[in-house]
Protein backbone atom coordinates (compact mmCIF):
# COMPACT_ATOMS: atom_id res chain seq x y z
CA UNK A 1 24.55 -6.27 -33.66
CA UNK A 2 25.66 -8.86 -31.32
CA UNK A 3 26.04 -6.46 -28.34
CA UNK A 4 22.65 -5.09 -29.06
CA UNK A 5 21.18 -8.30 -28.76
CA UNK A 6 22.89 -9.20 -25.84
CA UNK A 7 21.87 -6.00 -24.22
CA UNK A 8 17.99 -6.70 -25.09
CA UNK A 9 18.66 -10.19 -23.66
CA UNK A 10 20.22 -8.79 -20.67
CA UNK A 11 17.17 -6.26 -20.08
CA UNK A 12 14.52 -9.00 -20.68
CA UNK A 13 15.90 -11.28 -18.05
CA UNK A 14 16.22 -8.54 -15.92
CA UNK A 15 12.66 -7.46 -16.18
CA UNK A 16 11.44 -11.08 -15.32
CA UNK A 17 13.75 -11.31 -12.61
CA UNK A 18 12.25 -8.32 -10.75
CA UNK A 19 8.90 -8.36 -8.92
CA UNK A 20 8.59 -12.30 -9.02
CA UNK A 21 10.41 -12.63 -5.40
CA UNK A 22 7.81 -12.27 -2.35
CA UNK A 23 4.38 -10.78 -2.43
CA UNK A 24 2.66 -8.75 -5.04
CA UNK A 25 1.59 -5.46 -4.75
CA UNK A 26 -2.16 -6.59 -4.66
CA UNK A 27 -1.20 -9.35 -1.87
CA UNK A 28 0.58 -6.46 0.23
CA UNK A 29 -2.52 -3.96 -0.40
CA UNK A 30 -4.96 -6.63 0.67
CA UNK A 31 -2.86 -7.56 3.71
CA UNK A 32 -2.96 -4.06 5.11
CA UNK A 33 -6.42 -3.57 4.37
CA UNK A 34 -7.19 -6.87 6.30
CA UNK A 35 -5.05 -5.74 9.13
CA UNK A 36 -6.76 -2.43 9.47
CA UNK A 37 -9.96 -3.79 9.54
CA UNK A 38 -9.29 -6.43 12.00
CA UNK A 39 -7.76 -3.55 14.20
CA UNK A 40 -11.13 -1.93 14.16
CA UNK A 41 -12.81 -5.25 15.13
CA UNK A 42 -14.29 -5.84 11.45
CA UNK A 43 -13.78 -8.70 8.82
CA UNK A 44 -13.32 -8.06 5.32
CA UNK A 45 -16.09 -8.99 2.77
CA UNK A 46 -16.32 -9.09 -0.93
CA UNK A 47 -18.09 -6.49 -3.02
CA UNK A 48 -18.28 -8.57 -5.75
CA UNK A 49 -16.07 -6.35 -7.95
CA UNK A 50 -13.34 -7.52 -9.88
CA UNK A 51 -11.00 -4.59 -10.50
CA UNK A 52 -7.55 -5.86 -9.07
CA UNK A 53 -7.31 -3.04 -6.56
CA UNK A 54 -8.29 -4.83 -2.83
CA UNK A 55 -9.95 -1.43 -1.61
CA UNK A 56 -12.59 -1.60 -4.45
CA UNK A 57 -12.87 -5.39 -4.22
CA UNK A 58 -13.42 -5.65 -0.41
CA UNK A 59 -15.34 -3.76 2.47
CA UNK A 60 -14.84 -3.86 6.24
CA UNK A 61 -17.96 -5.05 7.86
CA UNK A 62 -18.21 -4.13 11.14
CA UNK A 63 -20.86 -5.57 13.75
CA UNK A 64 -21.46 -4.32 17.10
CA UNK A 65 -22.78 -1.11 18.83
CA UNK A 66 -22.02 2.15 17.08
CA UNK A 67 -20.11 4.51 18.89
CA UNK A 68 -17.76 7.50 18.30
CA UNK A 69 -16.38 7.43 22.00
CA UNK A 70 -12.87 6.01 22.33
CA UNK A 71 -12.73 3.82 25.33
């Protein structure tokens, strides 16, 4: 019984320790989305949605002349 409780305690502590260091998945996805938008000459704007997924919460607004020709 004591061994089972110790194991449960260790697993709980292990679960709490993982994922708390560094950036969250949301922050990483948002940073990648922002960088991709900036690379295309745009800026991220909010769509007003609150989904927990940056790709649906933000859109890349690109202003300037439209062209399909790479320079």
